[in-house]
């Protein structure tokens, strides 16, 4: 695959609700980068599996992914816990991961020319998709802190759900993400660890920005 030259490439891995998406958005805005939340791709696939149970197979999915747009990944229905749990399950399928991989690589290394590069976050970005990224971060936080954040998100959306259920769901997702056979969530040796448990969104971004600016000579 041909890659655009002189790109700023940022790879981020994290468990659910650690704040990686927020930081990726800040990074994309600050450095004019294309942002792709790769987890939303699997949520999108999870929704497809829910709504097209009889039609769902690899060839059907491949056609859907070929036509996917970044706008489609911003559908609010993808936030549901049911979709998230199915997303964790389909993400364990190596054939599905290979179908998604080409789309991810294209976003990472061939973003539209109006962008100076790309920032992708997910579960296997630093270890599989963007091994040679200019910047690699592993963003994490305490499980209960993450559960509180996700619970607050659901409350804003006026969803009837208990904190205990959210905590249990995140614990299950962590297990699935870290223990799947293919592309498990893990911190690579060359990734910079950012723990957001006691950091505000702004403080976290300032920390990341200092690291990036130093290397970019800003």
Protein backbone atom coordinates (compact mmCIF):
# COMPACT_ATOMS: atom_id res chain seq x y z
CA UNK A 1 0.00 0.00 0.00
CA UNK A 2 1.29 3.45 -0.94
CA UNK A 3 1.66 5.88 1.93
CA UNK A 4 1.58 9.65 1.87
CA UNK A 5 4.91 11.13 2.88
CA UNK A 6 5.64 13.49 5.77
CA UNK A 7 2.53 12.55 7.72
CA UNK A 8 2.01 13.12 11.41
CA UNK A 9 0.72 9.73 12.55
CA UNK A 10 -0.67 9.09 16.02
CA UNK A 11 -1.72 5.65 17.30
CA UNK A 12 -3.68 5.25 20.52
CA UNK A 13 -4.81 2.12 22.32
CA UNK A 14 -6.97 2.04 25.43
CA UNK A 15 -9.61 0.11 27.36
CA UNK A 16 -13.17 1.42 27.09
CA UNK A 17 -14.03 4.79 28.69
CA UNK A 18 -10.43 5.72 29.49
CA UNK A 19 -10.72 9.02 27.65
CA UNK A 20 -8.79 8.07 24.51
CA UNK A 21 -11.52 9.30 22.17
CA UNK A 22 -11.59 12.74 23.78
CA UNK A 23 -7.82 13.07 23.60
CA UNK A 24 -7.76 11.84 19.99
CA UNK A 25 -10.26 14.56 19.08
CA UNK A 26 -8.14 17.21 20.81
CA UNK A 27 -5.06 15.97 18.95
CA UNK A 28 -6.86 15.95 15.60
CA UNK A 29 -8.03 19.53 16.07
CA UNK A 30 -4.67 20.83 17.33
CA UNK A 31 -2.58 19.28 14.55
CA UNK A 32 -5.17 19.13 11.72
CA UNK A 33 -5.32 15.34 11.58
CA UNK A 34 -7.97 12.95 10.30
CA UNK A 35 -9.52 11.24 13.32
CA UNK A 36 -10.84 7.68 13.23
CA UNK A 37 -12.36 5.98 16.26
CA UNK A 38 -11.80 2.39 15.13
CA UNK A 39 -14.01 1.04 17.90
CA UNK A 40 -16.97 2.62 16.15
CA UNK A 41 -16.29 0.45 13.12
CA UNK A 42 -16.87 -2.66 15.22
CA UNK A 43 -19.91 -1.04 16.81
CA UNK A 44 -21.16 -0.34 13.28
CA UNK A 45 -20.64 -4.02 12.47
CA UNK A 46 -22.37 -4.97 15.71
CA UNK A 47 -25.39 -2.92 14.69
CA UNK A 48 -25.38 -4.53 11.24
CA UNK A 49 -25.42 -7.95 12.90
CA UNK A 50 -28.37 -6.89 15.06
CA UNK A 51 -30.41 -5.45 12.21
CA UNK A 52 -29.48 -7.95 9.48
CA UNK A 53 -29.30 -11.25 11.36
CA UNK A 54 -30.30 -13.43 8.39
CA UNK A 55 -28.19 -11.61 5.80
CA UNK A 56 -25.09 -11.22 7.97
CA UNK A 57 -22.05 -13.00 6.53
CA UNK A 58 -18.52 -12.03 5.43
CA UNK A 59 -19.38 -11.07 1.84
CA UNK A 60 -22.38 -9.00 2.98
CA UNK A 61 -20.21 -7.26 5.57
CA UNK A 62 -17.41 -6.58 3.08
CA UNK A 63 -19.82 -4.72 0.79
CA UNK A 64 -21.10 -2.67 3.75
CA UNK A 65 -17.57 -1.71 4.85
CA UNK A 66 -16.57 -0.71 1.31
CA UNK A 67 -19.40 1.83 1.32
CA UNK A 68 -18.87 3.05 4.88
CA UNK A 69 -18.39 6.77 5.53
CA UNK A 70 -16.94 8.52 8.57
CA UNK A 71 -20.34 10.19 9.04
CA UNK A 72 -22.00 6.78 9.45
CA UNK A 73 -19.72 6.09 12.41
CA UNK A 74 -21.17 9.05 14.30
CA UNK A 75 -24.63 7.50 14.55
CA UNK A 76 -25.77 7.91 18.18
CA UNK A 77 -27.39 4.47 18.15
CA UNK A 78 -23.88 2.97 18.16
CA UNK A 79 -23.44 4.11 21.77
CA UNK A 80 -25.86 1.51 23.17
CA UNK A 81 -24.47 -1.10 25.55
CA UNK A 82 -26.03 -3.91 23.51
CA UNK A 83 -24.16 -2.81 20.39
CA UNK A 84 -20.93 -2.40 22.39
CA UNK A 85 -21.09 -5.96 23.72
CA UNK A 86 -21.68 -7.42 20.26
CA UNK A 87 -18.84 -5.25 18.95
CA UNK A 88 -16.45 -6.90 21.43
CA UNK A 89 -17.56 -10.31 20.20
CA UNK A 90 -17.29 -9.64 16.43
CA UNK A 91 -13.89 -7.99 17.02
CA UNK A 92 -12.57 -11.43 18.00
CA UNK A 93 -13.20 -12.75 14.47
CA UNK A 94 -9.95 -12.60 12.44
CA UNK A 95 -11.84 -12.54 9.12
CA UNK A 96 -13.83 -9.50 10.21
CA UNK A 97 -10.66 -7.81 11.48
CA UNK A 98 -9.02 -8.34 8.07
CA UNK A 99 -12.03 -6.81 6.31
CA UNK A 100 -11.80 -3.75 8.56
CA UNK A 101 -7.99 -3.50 8.42
CA UNK A 102 -7.77 -2.12 4.87
CA UNK A 103 -10.20 0.69 5.72
CA UNK A 104 -8.16 1.55 8.82
CA UNK A 105 -4.86 1.53 6.94
CA UNK A 106 -6.26 3.82 4.25
CA UNK A 107 -7.42 6.33 6.87
CA UNK A 108 -4.07 6.12 8.67
CA UNK A 109 -1.69 6.47 5.75
CA UNK A 110 -3.75 8.06 2.98
CA UNK A 111 -5.94 10.70 4.65
CA UNK A 112 -7.39 13.45 2.40
CA UNK A 113 -4.73 16.01 1.47
CA UNK A 114 -6.41 18.70 3.56
CA UNK A 115 -5.13 16.83 6.64
CA UNK A 116 -1.54 16.86 7.91
CA UNK A 117 -1.82 13.25 9.02
CA UNK A 118 -4.00 10.97 11.09
CA UNK A 119 -4.85 9.87 14.60
CA UNK A 120 -6.51 6.50 15.21
CA UNK A 121 -7.63 5.06 18.52
CA UNK A 122 -8.79 1.56 19.33
CA UNK A 123 -7.50 -1.70 20.78
CA UNK A 124 -4.79 -2.85 18.34
CA UNK A 125 -3.64 0.37 16.71
CA UNK A 126 -0.13 0.53 18.20
CA UNK A 127 0.42 -3.23 17.97
CA UNK A 128 -1.05 -4.06 14.55
CA UNK A 129 -2.46 -1.22 12.44
CA UNK A 130 0.14 1.55 12.93
CA UNK A 131 3.29 -0.14 14.21
CA UNK A 132 5.44 2.62 12.72
CA UNK A 133 3.37 5.56 13.96
CA UNK A 134 5.28 8.71 14.84
CA UNK A 135 3.51 8.80 18.21
CA UNK A 136 2.15 5.83 20.14
CA UNK A 137 0.12 6.22 23.32
CA UNK A 138 -1.56 3.78 25.69
CA UNK A 139 -4.28 5.66 27.57
CA UNK A 140 -5.86 4.01 30.59
CA UNK A 141 -7.66 4.67 33.88
CA UNK A 142 -8.93 2.82 36.94
CA UNK A 143 -11.92 0.57 36.17
CA UNK A 144 -14.25 2.35 38.61
CA UNK A 145 -13.24 5.74 37.26
CA UNK A 146 -14.05 4.54 33.76
CA UNK A 147 -17.37 3.09 34.91
CA UNK A 148 -18.33 6.43 36.48
CA UNK A 149 -17.50 8.23 33.25
CA UNK A 150 -19.52 5.83 31.10
CA UNK A 151 -22.43 5.92 33.57
CA UNK A 152 -22.44 9.74 33.37
CA UNK A 153 -22.56 9.52 29.57
CA UNK A 154 -25.61 7.24 29.72
CA UNK A 155 -27.32 9.54 32.22
CA UNK A 156 -26.86 12.50 29.86
CA UNK A 157 -28.51 10.43 27.14
CA UNK A 158 -31.33 9.70 29.64
CA UNK A 159 -30.77 5.98 29.42
CA UNK A 160 -32.14 3.88 32.27
CA UNK A 161 -29.13 1.91 33.40
CA UNK A 162 -27.47 1.26 36.75
CA UNK A 163 -23.88 2.00 37.70
CA UNK A 164 -23.45 -1.63 38.77
CA UNK A 165 -24.50 -2.82 35.31
CA UNK A 166 -22.05 -0.41 33.62
CA UNK A 167 -19.22 -1.58 35.90
CA UNK A 168 -19.97 -5.23 35.17
CA UNK A 169 -20.21 -4.54 31.44
CA UNK A 170 -16.85 -2.72 31.32
CA UNK A 171 -15.17 -5.50 33.30
CA UNK A 172 -16.50 -8.03 30.79
CA UNK A 173 -15.36 -5.93 27.83
CA UNK A 174 -11.88 -5.54 29.31
CA UNK A 175 -11.62 -9.31 29.63
CA UNK A 176 -12.77 -9.90 26.05
CA UNK A 177 -10.49 -7.20 24.63
CA UNK A 178 -7.39 -8.37 26.49
CA UNK A 179 -7.91 -12.10 26.06
CA UNK A 180 -9.08 -12.50 22.48
CA UNK A 181 -6.88 -14.69 20.29
CA UNK A 182 -6.29 -12.10 17.58
CA UNK A 183 -5.11 -8.51 18.15
CA UNK A 184 -5.69 -8.37 21.92
CA UNK A 185 -5.52 -5.05 23.75
CA UNK A 186 -2.04 -4.57 25.19
CA UNK A 187 0.53 -1.87 25.80
CA UNK A 188 3.46 -2.13 23.40
CA UNK A 189 6.96 -1.38 24.73
CA UNK A 190 7.29 1.74 22.58
CA UNK A 191 3.93 3.22 23.63
CA UNK A 192 3.83 6.07 26.14
CA UNK A 193 1.58 5.31 29.11
CA UNK A 194 -0.96 8.00 30.01
CA UNK A 195 -3.11 7.31 33.08
CA UNK A 196 -6.12 9.62 33.14
CA UNK A 197 -7.59 8.49 36.49
CA UNK A 198 -6.57 11.69 38.27
CA UNK A 199 -6.21 13.98 35.26
CA UNK A 200 -8.75 16.39 33.83
CA UNK A 201 -9.30 16.28 30.07
CA UNK A 202 -7.32 19.50 29.68
CA UNK A 203 -4.43 18.38 31.89
CA UNK A 204 -4.18 15.12 29.97
CA UNK A 205 -4.05 16.89 26.63
CA UNK A 206 -1.39 19.34 27.86
CA UNK A 207 0.75 16.34 28.82
CA UNK A 208 0.30 14.75 25.39
CA UNK A 209 0.86 18.05 23.56
CA UNK A 210 4.20 18.62 25.31
CA UNK A 211 5.38 15.20 24.14
CA UNK A 212 4.27 15.80 20.56
CA UNK A 213 5.52 19.40 20.31
CA UNK A 214 8.97 18.37 21.51
CA UNK A 215 9.33 15.78 18.75
CA UNK A 216 7.76 18.00 16.09
CA UNK A 217 9.97 20.94 17.17
CA UNK A 218 6.97 23.23 17.61
